[in-house]
Amino acid sequence: MDTPEIARAMISPQTQSHMYGFDRNETHSSGTVAIPVHADAYTIIMEFYVVDVESPHNAILERPWLHMINAVPSTYHQLVRYPIPRGRTDIRGDQAMSRTIFIIARKKFV
């Protein structure tokens, strides 16, 4: 794992956790890390599993986070819409930026 020392220190070891990737291969997590997720009026500390696998995703947010902020995800529109005190707001996906980051990350593995 090519992780800077400061980031590695943030990883909390845990009991072995088995999970399956999108390619259906089994993998194990290195531990968990708690990171604040900011979404406009909300800041929620989320626990993420750390895995050393090649992936097109930086993070996968699961239902509990979406339910906490009453969000409605739309894969078709690539956004998450949720209510805020002054109406509603969106978190939009940036396909071009995502593609660029994926290409850069992929070069590190090759």
Protein backbone atom coordinates (compact mmCIF):
# COMPACT_ATOMS: atom_id res chain seq x y z
CA MET A 1 0.00 0.00 0.00
CA ASP A 2 1.50 3.34 -1.05
CA THR A 3 0.07 5.33 1.88
CA PRO A 4 1.85 8.30 3.51
CA GLU A 5 2.84 7.66 7.13
CA ILE A 6 0.38 10.24 8.53
CA ALA A 7 -2.52 8.59 6.69
CA ARG A 8 -1.35 5.12 7.75
CA ALA A 9 -1.39 6.30 11.40
CA MET A 10 -5.09 7.21 11.02
CA ILE A 11 -6.05 3.62 10.15
CA SER A 12 -7.48 1.71 13.10
CA PRO A 13 -6.70 -1.99 12.92
CA GLN A 14 -9.68 -4.25 13.31
CA THR A 15 -10.59 -7.88 13.25
CA GLN A 16 -10.33 -9.39 9.79
CA SER A 17 -13.14 -8.12 7.59
CA HIS A 18 -14.01 -10.01 4.40
CA MET A 19 -15.65 -8.23 1.50
CA TYR A 20 -16.19 -8.82 -2.16
CA GLY A 21 -15.30 -6.39 -4.94
CA PHE A 22 -17.26 -5.54 -8.03
CA ASP A 23 -15.24 -8.24 -9.80
CA ARG A 24 -16.53 -10.78 -7.21
CA ASN A 25 -13.06 -11.42 -5.80
CA GLU A 26 -12.72 -11.62 -2.04
CA THR A 27 -10.51 -9.05 -0.31
CA HIS A 28 -9.69 -8.10 3.26
CA SER A 29 -9.63 -4.66 4.80
CA SER A 30 -6.50 -3.21 6.39
CA GLY A 31 -8.63 -1.51 9.01
CA THR A 32 -10.99 1.43 9.28
CA VAL A 33 -10.60 5.18 9.23
CA ALA A 34 -13.05 7.79 10.56
CA ILE A 35 -13.31 10.82 8.29
CA PRO A 36 -15.64 13.81 8.52
CA VAL A 37 -17.90 14.01 5.46
CA HIS A 38 -19.08 17.56 4.75
CA ALA A 39 -22.29 18.16 2.86
CA ASP A 40 -23.42 21.80 3.10
CA ALA A 41 -25.08 22.13 6.53
CA TYR A 42 -24.09 18.61 7.60
CA THR A 43 -20.82 17.23 8.88
CA ILE A 44 -21.00 13.55 9.73
CA ILE A 45 -18.12 11.39 10.94
CA MET A 46 -18.17 8.29 8.76
CA GLU A 47 -16.18 5.11 9.19
CA PHE A 48 -14.63 3.76 6.00
CA TYR A 49 -12.97 0.39 5.42
CA VAL A 50 -9.47 0.69 3.97
CA VAL A 51 -8.70 -1.80 1.22
CA ASP A 52 -5.65 -2.13 -0.98
CA VAL A 53 -7.34 -2.77 -4.32
CA GLU A 54 -7.55 -1.04 -7.63
CA SER A 55 -10.93 0.70 -7.88
CA PRO A 56 -12.59 3.40 -9.96
CA HIS A 57 -14.15 4.73 -6.73
CA ASN A 58 -12.54 6.89 -4.06
CA ALA A 59 -15.17 5.91 -1.53
CA ILE A 60 -18.50 4.17 -1.47
CA LEU A 61 -21.09 5.78 0.78
CA GLU A 62 -23.71 3.44 2.06
CA ARG A 63 -27.33 3.86 3.05
CA PRO A 64 -26.85 4.92 6.71
CA TRP A 65 -25.09 8.13 5.60
CA LEU A 66 -27.75 8.84 3.00
CA HIS A 67 -30.54 8.17 5.53
CA MET A 68 -28.92 10.48 8.13
CA ILE A 69 -29.32 13.47 5.83
CA ASN A 70 -32.58 12.27 4.17
CA ALA A 71 -30.82 12.10 0.82
CA VAL A 72 -32.15 10.77 -2.46
CA PRO A 73 -29.37 9.43 -4.72
CA SER A 74 -29.75 9.34 -8.50
CA THR A 75 -27.25 7.31 -10.50
CA TYR A 76 -28.89 8.46 -13.73
CA HIS A 77 -28.36 12.14 -12.90
CA GLN A 78 -25.12 11.48 -10.96
CA LEU A 79 -26.21 13.47 -7.95
CA VAL A 80 -27.42 13.21 -4.39
CA ARG A 81 -30.26 15.56 -3.45
CA TYR A 82 -31.11 16.33 0.17
CA PRO A 83 -33.10 18.89 2.19
CA ILE A 84 -31.43 21.78 4.01
CA PRO A 85 -33.03 24.44 6.25
CA ARG A 86 -33.41 26.86 3.32
CA GLY A 87 -34.73 24.40 0.72
CA ARG A 88 -32.77 21.60 -0.94
CA THR A 89 -29.31 21.14 -2.40
CA ASP A 90 -27.41 18.71 -4.61
CA ILE A 91 -24.04 17.03 -4.59
CA ARG A 92 -23.19 16.50 -8.23
CA GLY A 93 -20.77 14.00 -9.70
CA ASP A 94 -18.04 15.38 -11.94
CA GLN A 95 -17.47 12.71 -14.58
CA ALA A 96 -14.51 14.49 -16.23
CA MET A 97 -12.71 14.99 -12.90
CA SER A 98 -13.49 11.45 -11.82
CA ARG A 99 -12.04 10.08 -15.07
CA THR A 100 -8.89 12.20 -14.68
CA ILE A 101 -8.32 11.05 -11.09
CA PHE A 102 -8.89 7.43 -12.11
CA ILE A 103 -6.30 7.67 -14.91
CA ILE A 104 -3.73 9.20 -12.53
CA ALA A 105 -4.41 6.57 -9.87
CA ARG A 106 -4.23 3.77 -12.44
CA LYS A 107 -0.76 4.90 -13.57
CA LYS A 108 0.49 4.32 -10.03
CA PHE A 109 -0.53 0.65 -10.24
CA VAL A 110 1.00 -0.01 -13.68
